[in-house]
Amino acid sequence: MKFVKAYPNTDPPGFTVGADEYIEQLPALEKLLPAESWSFASAPEHYNFFGTRCVKDLELETVSNDDQGDILIGLSPNKFKHDYGLTIKYIGVTRFELYLDRRGGTFDGLGSVLIDEILPARPGCSHEITLTVGDLYIECADLQATWLDTANATIAPITMTKAEDR
């Protein structure tokens, strides 16, 4: 991450996150980011850590791809904070990396979102998401983020396979 910050704490246990520097840089990124990426990154509640449409505390639940090379991730809501889940479709993906790191302790699944950052990159943008148990990094032409009413949508659990099982 270039501008946003996420650090583990020991006392009290948890994480410190900050997006102030990124928010200051956002106006300069408008003409450098693809339209949908800019719209998502600059949404009013995106970095309002107490807002119902903030990505912080969403749970990474699904990762899938289609035959065009697009990747879709599903993020389920934290029941204490969010009214909606979020899906993000990454179009024209050229790079996808998932790093696991149990730095925050033992959690089920891949953990919750601490913070994210969208920056210009070839062919359009990069989206890095820091989770409680690792990081997700994607480079793509653009992304489409859609908030889902969880009463009318289901997000299936993630299925991972080991490299030797493929």
N, C-alpha and C. Protein backbone atom coordinates (compact mmCIF):
# COMPACT_ATOMS: atom_id res chain seq x y z
N MET A 1 0.84 -1.17 0.00
CA MET A 1 0.00 0.00 0.00
C MET A 1 0.89 1.24 0.00
N LYS A 2 0.49 2.20 -0.78
CA LYS A 2 1.30 3.41 -0.92
C LYS A 2 0.88 4.50 0.06
N PHE A 3 -0.43 4.71 0.22
CA PHE A 3 -0.91 5.82 1.04
C PHE A 3 -1.69 5.39 2.28
N VAL A 4 -2.44 4.30 2.21
CA VAL A 4 -3.22 3.88 3.38
C VAL A 4 -2.33 3.07 4.31
N LYS A 5 -2.71 3.02 5.56
CA LYS A 5 -1.89 2.34 6.56
C LYS A 5 -2.73 1.33 7.34
N ALA A 6 -2.10 0.20 7.68
CA ALA A 6 -2.72 -0.81 8.54
C ALA A 6 -1.61 -1.47 9.35
N TYR A 7 -1.70 -1.35 10.66
CA TYR A 7 -0.68 -1.90 11.56
C TYR A 7 -1.34 -2.74 12.63
N PRO A 8 -0.76 -3.92 12.94
CA PRO A 8 -1.30 -4.71 14.06
C PRO A 8 -0.91 -4.09 15.40
N ASN A 9 -1.81 -4.20 16.36
CA ASN A 9 -1.56 -3.74 17.74
C ASN A 9 -1.52 -4.96 18.65
N THR A 10 -0.78 -4.84 19.75
CA THR A 10 -0.79 -5.91 20.74
C THR A 10 -1.57 -5.53 21.99
N ASP A 11 -1.61 -4.24 22.33
CA ASP A 11 -2.32 -3.81 23.53
C ASP A 11 -3.06 -2.51 23.27
N PRO A 12 -4.34 -2.55 23.03
CA PRO A 12 -5.18 -3.75 22.98
C PRO A 12 -4.98 -4.46 21.64
N PRO A 13 -5.30 -5.76 21.59
CA PRO A 13 -5.14 -6.50 20.34
C PRO A 13 -6.07 -5.96 19.26
N GLY A 14 -5.58 -5.93 18.05
CA GLY A 14 -6.37 -5.45 16.92
C GLY A 14 -5.48 -4.76 15.91
N PHE A 15 -6.04 -3.78 15.21
CA PHE A 15 -5.31 -3.10 14.15
C PHE A 15 -5.59 -1.61 14.19
N THR A 16 -4.61 -0.83 13.77
CA THR A 16 -4.78 0.60 13.55
C THR A 16 -4.77 0.81 12.05
N VAL A 17 -5.77 1.50 11.52
CA VAL A 17 -5.84 1.77 10.09
C VAL A 17 -6.02 3.27 9.87
N GLY A 18 -5.55 3.73 8.72
CA GLY A 18 -5.69 5.14 8.40
C GLY A 18 -5.69 5.37 6.90
N ALA A 19 -6.59 6.24 6.45
CA ALA A 19 -6.70 6.54 5.03
C ALA A 19 -6.53 8.03 4.75
N ASP A 20 -6.14 8.82 5.74
CA ASP A 20 -6.07 10.27 5.56
C ASP A 20 -5.18 10.69 4.39
N GLU A 21 -3.99 10.10 4.29
CA GLU A 21 -3.08 10.47 3.20
C GLU A 21 -3.67 10.10 1.83
N TYR A 22 -4.32 8.94 1.75
CA TYR A 22 -4.95 8.53 0.49
C TYR A 22 -6.09 9.47 0.12
N ILE A 23 -6.91 9.83 1.09
CA ILE A 23 -8.03 10.75 0.84
C ILE A 23 -7.51 12.09 0.33
N GLU A 24 -6.38 12.55 0.86
CA GLU A 24 -5.76 13.78 0.37
C GLU A 24 -5.30 13.64 -1.08
N GLN A 25 -4.86 12.45 -1.48
CA GLN A 25 -4.36 12.21 -2.83
C GLN A 25 -5.48 11.96 -3.85
N LEU A 26 -6.66 11.60 -3.39
CA LEU A 26 -7.75 11.21 -4.30
C LEU A 26 -8.04 12.22 -5.41
N PRO A 27 -8.15 13.52 -5.14
CA PRO A 27 -8.44 14.45 -6.24
C PRO A 27 -7.44 14.36 -7.39
N ALA A 28 -6.18 14.12 -7.09
CA ALA A 28 -5.15 14.00 -8.12
C ALA A 28 -5.27 12.70 -8.91
N LEU A 29 -5.96 11.71 -8.35
CA LEU A 29 -6.10 10.41 -9.02
C LEU A 29 -7.29 10.34 -9.97
N GLU A 30 -8.19 11.30 -9.88
CA GLU A 30 -9.43 11.23 -10.67
C GLU A 30 -9.19 11.02 -12.15
N LYS A 31 -8.29 11.76 -12.75
CA LYS A 31 -8.05 11.65 -14.19
C LYS A 31 -7.13 10.48 -14.54
N LEU A 32 -6.54 9.85 -13.53
CA LEU A 32 -5.63 8.74 -13.76
C LEU A 32 -6.30 7.37 -13.60
N LEU A 33 -7.44 7.34 -12.92
CA LEU A 33 -8.15 6.08 -12.68
C LEU A 33 -9.27 5.89 -13.69
N PRO A 34 -9.56 4.64 -14.06
CA PRO A 34 -10.74 4.37 -14.88
C PRO A 34 -12.01 4.85 -14.15
N ALA A 35 -13.06 5.13 -14.90
CA ALA A 35 -14.28 5.75 -14.36
C ALA A 35 -14.90 4.99 -13.20
N GLU A 36 -15.11 3.68 -13.35
CA GLU A 36 -15.77 2.90 -12.29
C GLU A 36 -14.89 2.81 -11.05
N SER A 37 -13.59 2.65 -11.25
CA SER A 37 -12.66 2.59 -10.12
C SER A 37 -12.67 3.89 -9.34
N TRP A 38 -12.65 5.00 -10.07
CA TRP A 38 -12.71 6.31 -9.43
C TRP A 38 -14.01 6.48 -8.65
N SER A 39 -15.10 6.08 -9.23
CA SER A 39 -16.41 6.21 -8.58
C SER A 39 -16.43 5.44 -7.26
N PHE A 40 -15.90 4.24 -7.25
CA PHE A 40 -15.87 3.41 -6.04
C PHE A 40 -14.91 4.00 -5.00
N ALA A 41 -13.71 4.36 -5.42
CA ALA A 41 -12.70 4.88 -4.48
C ALA A 41 -13.13 6.20 -3.84
N SER A 42 -13.85 7.01 -4.59
CA SER A 42 -14.21 8.34 -4.09
C SER A 42 -15.61 8.42 -3.51
N ALA A 43 -16.29 7.29 -3.39
CA ALA A 43 -17.64 7.28 -2.80
C ALA A 43 -17.58 7.88 -1.39
N PRO A 44 -18.57 8.69 -1.02
CA PRO A 44 -18.53 9.39 0.26
C PRO A 44 -18.32 8.51 1.49
N GLU A 45 -18.88 7.31 1.52
CA GLU A 45 -18.75 6.46 2.71
C GLU A 45 -17.60 5.45 2.64
N HIS A 46 -16.87 5.44 1.52
CA HIS A 46 -15.84 4.41 1.33
C HIS A 46 -14.86 4.35 2.51
N TYR A 47 -14.41 5.49 2.99
CA TYR A 47 -13.46 5.51 4.11
C TYR A 47 -14.06 6.08 5.39
N ASN A 48 -15.38 6.10 5.49
CA ASN A 48 -16.05 6.45 6.75
C ASN A 48 -16.15 5.16 7.54
N PHE A 49 -15.21 4.92 8.45
CA PHE A 49 -15.10 3.63 9.13
C PHE A 49 -16.32 3.25 9.95
N PHE A 50 -17.22 4.18 10.18
CA PHE A 50 -18.46 3.88 10.91
C PHE A 50 -19.66 3.79 9.97
N GLY A 51 -19.45 4.02 8.67
CA GLY A 51 -20.52 4.02 7.69
C GLY A 51 -20.93 2.62 7.27
N THR A 52 -22.17 2.49 6.84
CA THR A 52 -22.69 1.18 6.42
C THR A 52 -22.18 0.76 5.04
N ARG A 53 -21.60 1.69 4.29
CA ARG A 53 -21.04 1.36 2.98
C ARG A 53 -19.53 1.60 2.94
N CYS A 54 -18.90 1.38 4.06
CA CYS A 54 -17.45 1.41 4.16
C CYS A 54 -16.97 -0.03 3.98
N VAL A 55 -15.85 -0.22 3.29
CA VAL A 55 -15.36 -1.59 3.07
C VAL A 55 -14.76 -2.21 4.32
N LYS A 56 -14.34 -1.38 5.28
CA LYS A 56 -13.74 -1.91 6.51
C LYS A 56 -14.74 -2.83 7.21
N ASP A 57 -14.26 -3.97 7.62
CA ASP A 57 -15.00 -4.99 8.37
C ASP A 57 -15.88 -5.90 7.50
N LEU A 58 -15.94 -5.69 6.18
CA LEU A 58 -16.59 -6.67 5.32
C LEU A 58 -15.77 -7.95 5.37
N GLU A 59 -16.40 -9.10 5.16
CA GLU A 59 -15.72 -10.40 5.19
C GLU A 59 -15.54 -10.93 3.77
N LEU A 60 -14.31 -11.28 3.39
CA LEU A 60 -14.07 -11.88 2.08
C LEU A 60 -14.65 -13.28 2.09
N GLU A 61 -15.61 -13.53 1.21
CA GLU A 61 -16.31 -14.82 1.19
C GLU A 61 -16.07 -15.61 -0.09
N THR A 62 -16.03 -14.94 -1.24
CA THR A 62 -15.90 -15.67 -2.49
C THR A 62 -14.87 -15.03 -3.41
N VAL A 63 -14.23 -15.88 -4.19
CA VAL A 63 -13.38 -15.45 -5.29
C VAL A 63 -13.67 -16.40 -6.43
N SER A 64 -14.07 -15.85 -7.57
CA SER A 64 -14.35 -16.70 -8.74
C SER A 64 -13.90 -15.97 -10.00
N ASN A 65 -13.80 -16.73 -11.08
CA ASN A 65 -13.43 -16.12 -12.36
C ASN A 65 -14.36 -16.63 -13.45
N ASP A 66 -14.38 -15.90 -14.57
CA ASP A 66 -15.20 -16.33 -15.70
C ASP A 66 -14.29 -16.63 -16.89
N ASP A 67 -14.88 -17.07 -17.99
CA ASP A 67 -14.09 -17.47 -19.15
C ASP A 67 -13.47 -16.29 -19.90
N GLN A 68 -13.81 -15.07 -19.52
CA GLN A 68 -13.21 -13.89 -20.13
C GLN A 68 -11.98 -13.38 -19.36
N GLY A 69 -11.67 -14.03 -18.24
CA GLY A 69 -10.55 -13.61 -17.43
C GLY A 69 -10.91 -12.58 -16.38
N ASP A 70 -12.20 -12.29 -16.24
CA ASP A 70 -12.64 -11.37 -15.19
C ASP A 70 -12.73 -12.13 -13.87
N ILE A 71 -12.49 -11.44 -12.79
CA ILE A 71 -12.56 -12.03 -11.45
C ILE A 71 -13.63 -11.31 -10.66
N LEU A 72 -14.40 -12.08 -9.90
CA LEU A 72 -15.46 -11.54 -9.06
C LEU A 72 -15.17 -11.92 -7.62
N ILE A 73 -15.17 -10.94 -6.72
CA ILE A 73 -15.06 -11.25 -5.30
C ILE A 73 -16.35 -10.85 -4.61
N GLY A 74 -16.72 -11.64 -3.62
CA GLY A 74 -17.91 -11.35 -2.81
C GLY A 74 -17.50 -11.07 -1.39
N LEU A 75 -17.99 -9.98 -0.86
CA LEU A 75 -17.69 -9.56 0.51
C LEU A 75 -19.00 -9.51 1.28
N SER A 76 -19.09 -10.27 2.35
CA SER A 76 -20.33 -10.29 3.12
C SER A 76 -20.28 -9.23 4.21
N PRO A 77 -21.45 -8.76 4.64
CA PRO A 77 -21.49 -7.69 5.63
C PRO A 77 -21.14 -8.16 7.03
N ASN A 78 -20.62 -7.26 7.82
CA ASN A 78 -20.46 -7.47 9.25
C ASN A 78 -21.83 -7.15 9.85
N LYS A 79 -22.43 -8.09 10.54
CA LYS A 79 -23.82 -7.92 11.00
C LYS A 79 -23.99 -6.77 11.98
N PHE A 80 -22.91 -6.30 12.59
CA PHE A 80 -23.00 -5.19 13.53
C PHE A 80 -22.86 -3.83 12.86
N LYS A 81 -22.54 -3.82 11.56
CA LYS A 81 -22.22 -2.56 10.91
C LYS A 81 -22.88 -2.35 9.56
N HIS A 82 -22.88 -3.36 8.72
CA HIS A 82 -23.30 -3.19 7.33
C HIS A 82 -24.74 -3.62 7.08
N ASP A 83 -25.41 -2.89 6.22
CA ASP A 83 -26.74 -3.28 5.74
C ASP A 83 -26.63 -4.09 4.45
N TYR A 84 -25.48 -4.03 3.80
CA TYR A 84 -25.31 -4.62 2.48
C TYR A 84 -23.98 -5.36 2.39
N GLY A 85 -23.96 -6.36 1.52
CA GLY A 85 -22.72 -6.99 1.12
C GLY A 85 -22.22 -6.28 -0.12
N LEU A 86 -21.04 -6.65 -0.60
CA LEU A 86 -20.44 -5.98 -1.75
C LEU A 86 -19.86 -7.03 -2.69
N THR A 87 -20.10 -6.86 -3.98
CA THR A 87 -19.40 -7.65 -4.98
C THR A 87 -18.56 -6.70 -5.81
N ILE A 88 -17.38 -7.17 -6.18
CA ILE A 88 -16.50 -6.38 -7.04
C ILE A 88 -16.10 -7.27 -8.21
N LYS A 89 -16.40 -6.79 -9.42
CA LYS A 89 -16.00 -7.49 -10.63
C LYS A 89 -14.80 -6.76 -11.22
N TYR A 90 -13.72 -7.50 -11.39
CA TYR A 90 -12.49 -6.95 -11.95
C TYR A 90 -12.44 -7.33 -13.43
N ILE A 91 -12.42 -6.34 -14.29
CA ILE A 91 -12.49 -6.54 -15.74
C ILE A 91 -11.09 -6.44 -16.34
N GLY A 92 -10.77 -7.38 -17.22
CA GLY A 92 -9.46 -7.36 -17.87
C GLY A 92 -8.31 -7.55 -16.90
N VAL A 93 -8.40 -8.58 -16.08
CA VAL A 93 -7.39 -8.82 -15.05
C VAL A 93 -6.06 -9.25 -15.67
N THR A 94 -4.99 -8.59 -15.25
CA THR A 94 -3.65 -8.96 -15.70
C THR A 94 -2.79 -9.51 -14.56
N ARG A 95 -3.24 -9.30 -13.33
CA ARG A 95 -2.48 -9.80 -12.17
C ARG A 95 -3.43 -10.02 -11.01
N PHE A 96 -3.28 -11.17 -10.34
CA PHE A 96 -4.09 -11.50 -9.17
C PHE A 96 -3.18 -12.21 -8.17
N GLU A 97 -3.09 -11.66 -6.97
CA GLU A 97 -2.25 -12.26 -5.94
C GLU A 97 -3.01 -12.27 -4.62
N LEU A 98 -2.89 -13.37 -3.90
CA LEU A 98 -3.49 -13.49 -2.58
C LEU A 98 -2.40 -13.96 -1.63
N TYR A 99 -2.12 -13.17 -0.61
CA TYR A 99 -1.12 -13.50 0.39
C TYR A 99 -1.82 -13.80 1.70
N LEU A 100 -1.51 -14.95 2.27
CA LEU A 100 -2.08 -15.30 3.57
C LEU A 100 -1.03 -15.08 4.64
N ASP A 101 -1.44 -14.51 5.76
CA ASP A 101 -0.54 -14.20 6.86
C ASP A 101 -1.39 -14.14 8.12
N ARG A 102 -1.22 -15.08 8.99
CA ARG A 102 -2.03 -15.13 10.21
C ARG A 102 -1.53 -14.14 11.26
N ARG A 103 -1.14 -12.96 10.81
CA ARG A 103 -0.58 -11.95 11.70
C ARG A 103 -1.54 -11.46 12.78
N GLY A 104 -2.83 -11.59 12.56
CA GLY A 104 -3.79 -11.08 13.53
C GLY A 104 -4.35 -12.14 14.43
N GLY A 105 -3.83 -13.36 14.38
CA GLY A 105 -4.36 -14.43 15.19
C GLY A 105 -5.02 -15.47 14.31
N THR A 106 -5.83 -16.31 14.91
CA THR A 106 -6.51 -17.37 14.18
C THR A 106 -7.92 -16.93 13.87
N PHE A 107 -8.29 -16.97 12.61
CA PHE A 107 -9.62 -16.57 12.16
C PHE A 107 -10.15 -17.64 11.22
N ASP A 108 -11.46 -17.75 11.14
CA ASP A 108 -12.08 -18.60 10.14
C ASP A 108 -11.99 -17.88 8.80
N GLY A 109 -11.84 -18.62 7.72
CA GLY A 109 -11.81 -18.03 6.39
C GLY A 109 -10.59 -17.13 6.19
N LEU A 110 -10.78 -16.12 5.39
CA LEU A 110 -9.68 -15.22 5.05
C LEU A 110 -9.71 -13.92 5.85
N GLY A 111 -10.69 -13.78 6.72
CA GLY A 111 -10.72 -12.62 7.58
C GLY A 111 -11.51 -11.46 7.01
N SER A 112 -11.47 -10.37 7.74
CA SER A 112 -12.24 -9.20 7.34
C SER A 112 -11.33 -8.13 6.75
N VAL A 113 -11.93 -7.23 5.99
CA VAL A 113 -11.21 -6.14 5.36
C VAL A 113 -10.79 -5.12 6.42
N LEU A 114 -9.53 -4.76 6.41
CA LEU A 114 -9.05 -3.67 7.26
C LEU A 114 -9.12 -2.35 6.49
N ILE A 115 -8.61 -2.38 5.26
CA ILE A 115 -8.58 -1.16 4.45
C ILE A 115 -8.23 -1.55 3.02
N ASP A 116 -8.51 -0.67 2.08
CA ASP A 116 -8.16 -0.93 0.69
C ASP A 116 -7.62 0.34 0.04
N GLU A 117 -7.02 0.16 -1.14
CA GLU A 117 -6.45 1.29 -1.87
C GLU A 117 -6.51 0.99 -3.36
N ILE A 118 -7.02 1.93 -4.13
CA ILE A 118 -7.08 1.81 -5.58
C ILE A 118 -6.15 2.86 -6.17
N LEU A 119 -5.22 2.40 -7.03
CA LEU A 119 -4.24 3.30 -7.64
C LEU A 119 -4.18 3.06 -9.15
N PRO A 120 -3.69 4.04 -9.91
CA PRO A 120 -3.48 3.82 -11.34
C PRO A 120 -2.40 2.76 -11.56
N ALA A 121 -2.62 1.88 -12.53
CA ALA A 121 -1.65 0.85 -12.91
C ALA A 121 -2.04 0.35 -14.29
N ARG A 122 -1.10 -0.25 -14.99
CA ARG A 122 -1.44 -0.83 -16.30
C ARG A 122 -2.25 -2.07 -16.10
N PRO A 123 -3.30 -2.33 -16.77
CA PRO A 123 -3.85 -1.55 -17.88
C PRO A 123 -4.85 -0.48 -17.46
N GLY A 124 -5.09 -0.31 -16.17
CA GLY A 124 -6.05 0.70 -15.72
C GLY A 124 -5.88 1.07 -14.26
N CYS A 125 -5.94 0.04 -13.39
CA CYS A 125 -5.82 0.32 -11.95
C CYS A 125 -5.35 -0.92 -11.20
N SER A 126 -4.91 -0.68 -9.98
CA SER A 126 -4.64 -1.77 -9.05
C SER A 126 -5.56 -1.58 -7.86
N HIS A 127 -5.96 -2.69 -7.27
CA HIS A 127 -6.80 -2.64 -6.06
C HIS A 127 -6.15 -3.57 -5.05
N GLU A 128 -5.70 -3.00 -3.95
CA GLU A 128 -5.09 -3.78 -2.89
C GLU A 128 -6.01 -3.73 -1.68
N ILE A 129 -6.29 -4.90 -1.14
CA ILE A 129 -7.16 -5.03 0.03
C ILE A 129 -6.35 -5.71 1.13
N THR A 130 -6.22 -5.04 2.27
CA THR A 130 -5.55 -5.63 3.42
C THR A 130 -6.62 -6.28 4.29
N LEU A 131 -6.44 -7.57 4.55
CA LEU A 131 -7.35 -8.36 5.37
C LEU A 131 -6.70 -8.66 6.72
N THR A 132 -7.48 -9.12 7.66
CA THR A 132 -6.92 -9.48 8.96
C THR A 132 -5.95 -10.64 8.86
N VAL A 133 -6.02 -11.43 7.79
CA VAL A 133 -5.13 -12.59 7.64
C VAL A 133 -4.32 -12.56 6.35
N GLY A 134 -4.19 -11.42 5.72
CA GLY A 134 -3.40 -11.36 4.51
C GLY A 134 -3.75 -10.18 3.64
N ASP A 135 -3.41 -10.30 2.35
CA ASP A 135 -3.63 -9.22 1.40
C ASP A 135 -4.09 -9.79 0.06
N LEU A 136 -4.91 -9.02 -0.63
CA LEU A 136 -5.38 -9.34 -1.97
C LEU A 136 -4.93 -8.20 -2.87
N TYR A 137 -4.30 -8.53 -4.01
CA TYR A 137 -3.81 -7.51 -4.93
C TYR A 137 -4.25 -7.89 -6.34
N ILE A 138 -4.90 -6.94 -7.03
CA ILE A 138 -5.40 -7.18 -8.38
C ILE A 138 -5.06 -6.00 -9.26
N GLU A 139 -4.56 -6.27 -10.47
CA GLU A 139 -4.40 -5.25 -11.50
C GLU A 139 -5.37 -5.59 -12.61
N CYS A 140 -6.09 -4.57 -13.10
CA CYS A 140 -7.14 -4.81 -14.09
C CYS A 140 -7.39 -3.54 -14.90
N ALA A 141 -8.20 -3.68 -15.96
CA ALA A 141 -8.57 -2.53 -16.77
C ALA A 141 -9.50 -1.61 -16.00
N ASP A 142 -10.43 -2.18 -15.26
CA ASP A 142 -11.37 -1.40 -14.42
C ASP A 142 -12.07 -2.38 -13.50
N LEU A 143 -12.85 -1.84 -12.58
CA LEU A 143 -13.63 -2.68 -11.67
C LEU A 143 -15.03 -2.12 -11.55
N GLN A 144 -15.96 -2.99 -11.22
CA GLN A 144 -17.35 -2.59 -10.98
C GLN A 144 -17.74 -3.08 -9.59
N ALA A 145 -18.04 -2.14 -8.71
CA ALA A 145 -18.43 -2.48 -7.34
C ALA A 145 -19.94 -2.30 -7.19
N THR A 146 -20.59 -3.32 -6.62
CA THR A 146 -22.04 -3.29 -6.44
C THR A 146 -22.40 -3.70 -5.02
N TRP A 147 -23.10 -2.82 -4.31
CA TRP A 147 -23.59 -3.15 -2.97
C TRP A 147 -24.85 -3.97 -3.11
N LEU A 148 -24.95 -5.07 -2.35
CA LEU A 148 -26.08 -6.00 -2.45
C LEU A 148 -26.90 -5.99 -1.17
N ASP A 149 -28.21 -5.93 -1.33
CA ASP A 149 -29.12 -6.08 -0.20
C ASP A 149 -29.03 -7.53 0.24
N THR A 150 -28.51 -7.79 1.43
CA THR A 150 -28.27 -9.16 1.86
C THR A 150 -29.54 -9.95 2.09
N ALA A 151 -30.67 -9.28 2.21
CA ALA A 151 -31.94 -10.01 2.35
C ALA A 151 -32.32 -10.68 1.04
N ASN A 152 -31.78 -10.17 -0.08
CA ASN A 152 -32.15 -10.69 -1.39
C ASN A 152 -30.98 -11.32 -2.14
N ALA A 153 -29.86 -11.52 -1.47
CA ALA A 153 -28.69 -12.08 -2.14
C ALA A 153 -27.97 -13.04 -1.21
N THR A 154 -27.34 -14.02 -1.80
CA THR A 154 -26.51 -14.93 -1.00
C THR A 154 -25.10 -14.90 -1.57
N ILE A 155 -24.14 -15.01 -0.69
CA ILE A 155 -22.74 -15.07 -1.09
C ILE A 155 -22.21 -16.39 -0.55
N ALA A 156 -21.85 -17.28 -1.46
CA ALA A 156 -21.40 -18.62 -1.06
C ALA A 156 -20.00 -18.57 -0.48
N PRO A 157 -19.65 -19.53 0.39
CA PRO A 157 -18.31 -19.55 0.98
C PRO A 157 -17.23 -19.76 -0.07
N ILE A 158 -16.04 -19.27 0.21
CA ILE A 158 -14.92 -19.41 -0.70
C ILE A 158 -14.42 -20.86 -0.71
N THR A 159 -14.00 -21.32 -1.86
CA THR A 159 -13.42 -22.65 -1.99
C THR A 159 -12.01 -22.49 -2.53
N MET A 160 -11.05 -22.98 -1.80
CA MET A 160 -9.65 -22.88 -2.22
C MET A 160 -9.13 -24.30 -2.47
N THR A 161 -8.25 -24.45 -3.46
CA THR A 161 -7.61 -25.73 -3.70
C THR A 161 -6.11 -25.56 -3.60
N LYS A 162 -5.44 -26.59 -3.15
CA LYS A 162 -3.99 -26.57 -3.08
C LYS A 162 -3.42 -26.74 -4.48
N ALA A 163 -2.25 -26.17 -4.71
CA ALA A 163 -1.62 -26.25 -6.03
C ALA A 163 -1.45 -27.70 -6.48
N GLU A 164 -1.09 -28.59 -5.55
CA GLU A 164 -0.87 -29.99 -5.94
C GLU A 164 -2.17 -30.73 -6.28
N ASP A 165 -3.33 -30.16 -5.90
CA ASP A 165 -4.62 -30.77 -6.21
C ASP A 165 -5.14 -30.39 -7.59
N ARG A 166 -4.50 -29.42 -8.25
CA ARG A 166 -4.98 -28.94 -9.55
C ARG A 166 -4.52 -29.82 -10.67
